[in-house]
Amino acid sequence: MSRAETDEHSDFPEGTGKPASGAFRAAGYLCLDDLVGVPASELRKLHGVGPKALEVVQAALEQTGRSLG
């Protein structure tokens, strides 16, 4: 894995997974902050985003008082 791949993946919480991180990025969500307020139902439609990724993202957002939509 190149440094660029590692750095890009780190824009989302550890445990999000490479497929989900790639799907978020392809949909225009470039970091965790971009996911604030986005409905989980919309994110589930992205190929590569599953329940585990959504749980990891939601938990990370909740640590700072934020959440998915």
C-alpha atoms as a PDB file:
ATOM      1  CA  MET A   1       0.000   0.000   0.000  1.00  0.00           C
ATOM      2  CA  SER A   2       1.408   3.381  -0.943  1.00  0.00           C
ATOM      3  CA  ARG A   3       1.585   6.309   1.429  1.00  0.00           C
ATOM      4  CA  ALA A   4      -1.070   8.121  -0.634  1.00  0.00           C
ATOM      5  CA  GLU A   5      -3.505   5.227  -0.188  1.00  0.00           C
ATOM      6  CA  THR A   6      -2.873   5.186   3.553  1.00  0.00           C
ATOM      7  CA  ASP A   7      -3.335   8.951   3.856  1.00  0.00           C
ATOM      8  CA  GLU A   8      -6.538   8.919   1.784  1.00  0.00           C
ATOM      9  CA  HIS A   9      -7.963   6.079   3.839  1.00  0.00           C
ATOM     10  CA  SER A  10      -7.179   7.941   7.066  1.00  0.00           C
ATOM     11  CA  ASP A  11      -9.634  10.718   6.152  1.00  0.00           C
ATOM     12  CA  PHE A  12     -12.255   8.390   7.651  1.00  0.00           C
ATOM     13  CA  PRO A  13     -12.177   6.632  11.041  1.00  0.00           C
ATOM     14  CA  GLU A  14     -10.112   3.492  11.483  1.00  0.00           C
ATOM     15  CA  GLY A  15     -12.325   0.504  10.808  1.00  0.00           C
ATOM     16  CA  THR A  16     -14.357   2.188   8.075  1.00  0.00           C
ATOM     17  CA  GLY A  17     -12.779  -0.114   5.515  1.00  0.00           C
ATOM     18  CA  LYS A  18     -11.186   0.576   2.185  1.00  0.00           C
ATOM     19  CA  PRO A  19     -14.310  -0.198   0.065  1.00  0.00           C
ATOM     20  CA  ALA A  20     -16.468   2.175   2.106  1.00  0.00           C
ATOM     21  CA  SER A  21     -13.815   4.906   2.159  1.00  0.00           C
ATOM     22  CA  GLY A  22     -13.522   4.627  -1.622  1.00  0.00           C
ATOM     23  CA  ALA A  23     -17.296   4.718  -2.046  1.00  0.00           C
ATOM     24  CA  PHE A  24     -17.605   7.820   0.140  1.00  0.00           C
ATOM     25  CA  ARG A  25     -14.840   9.542  -1.807  1.00  0.00           C
ATOM     26  CA  ALA A  26     -16.350   8.610  -5.186  1.00  0.00           C
ATOM     27  CA  ALA A  27     -19.666  10.107  -4.049  1.00  0.00           C
ATOM     28  CA  GLY A  28     -17.969  13.384  -3.106  1.00  0.00           C
ATOM     29  CA  TYR A  29     -17.553  12.831   0.638  1.00  0.00           C
ATOM     30  CA  LEU A  30     -13.843  13.434   1.156  1.00  0.00           C
ATOM     31  CA  CYS A  31     -13.615  13.226   4.944  1.00  0.00           C
ATOM     32  CA  LEU A  32     -15.646  12.418   8.042  1.00  0.00           C
ATOM     33  CA  ASP A  33     -16.877  16.013   8.338  1.00  0.00           C
ATOM     34  CA  ASP A  34     -18.537  15.717   4.914  1.00  0.00           C
ATOM     35  CA  LEU A  35     -20.790  12.940   6.242  1.00  0.00           C
ATOM     36  CA  VAL A  36     -22.387  15.039   9.008  1.00  0.00           C
ATOM     37  CA  GLY A  37     -26.142  15.162   8.462  1.00  0.00           C
ATOM     38  CA  VAL A  38     -26.130  12.834   5.447  1.00  0.00           C
ATOM     39  CA  PRO A  39     -28.922  10.275   5.815  1.00  0.00           C
ATOM     40  CA  ALA A  40     -27.635   6.769   6.521  1.00  0.00           C
ATOM     41  CA  SER A  41     -30.218   5.517   4.023  1.00  0.00           C
ATOM     42  CA  GLU A  42     -28.414   7.459   1.271  1.00  0.00           C
ATOM     43  CA  LEU A  43     -25.001   6.167   2.301  1.00  0.00           C
ATOM     44  CA  ARG A  44     -26.271   2.562   2.336  1.00  0.00           C
ATOM     45  CA  LYS A  45     -26.975   2.893  -1.389  1.00  0.00           C
ATOM     46  CA  LEU A  46     -23.268   3.363  -2.126  1.00  0.00           C
ATOM     47  CA  HIS A  47     -21.539   0.199  -3.354  1.00  0.00           C
ATOM     48  CA  GLY A  48     -19.043  -0.805  -0.678  1.00  0.00           C
ATOM     49  CA  VAL A  49     -20.808   0.805   2.268  1.00  0.00           C
ATOM     50  CA  GLY A  50     -22.236  -1.693   4.720  1.00  0.00           C
ATOM     51  CA  PRO A  51     -23.604  -1.702   8.244  1.00  0.00           C
ATOM     52  CA  LYS A  52     -20.172  -1.941   9.873  1.00  0.00           C
ATOM     53  CA  ALA A  53     -18.851   1.134   8.054  1.00  0.00           C
ATOM     54  CA  LEU A  54     -21.942   3.110   9.013  1.00  0.00           C
ATOM     55  CA  GLU A  55     -21.591   2.050  12.653  1.00  0.00           C
ATOM     56  CA  VAL A  56     -17.934   3.128  12.698  1.00  0.00           C
ATOM     57  CA  VAL A  57     -18.734   6.481  11.084  1.00  0.00           C
ATOM     58  CA  GLN A  58     -21.704   7.141  13.381  1.00  0.00           C
ATOM     59  CA  ALA A  59     -19.651   6.286  16.480  1.00  0.00           C
ATOM     60  CA  ALA A  60     -16.855   8.632  15.377  1.00  0.00           C
ATOM     61  CA  LEU A  61     -19.313  11.449  14.741  1.00  0.00           C
ATOM     62  CA  GLU A  62     -21.022  10.919  18.103  1.00  0.00           C
ATOM     63  CA  GLN A  63     -17.670  11.422  19.857  1.00  0.00           C
ATOM     64  CA  THR A  64     -17.880  15.057  18.778  1.00  0.00           C
ATOM     65  CA  GLY A  65     -21.616  15.520  19.305  1.00  0.00           C
ATOM     66  CA  ARG A  66     -22.519  15.062  15.624  1.00  0.00           C
ATOM     67  CA  SER A  67     -24.306  12.365  13.654  1.00  0.00           C
ATOM     68  CA  LEU A  68     -25.462  11.105  10.326  1.00  0.00           C
ATOM     69  CA  GLY A  69     -28.846  12.387   9.169  1.00  0.00           C
END
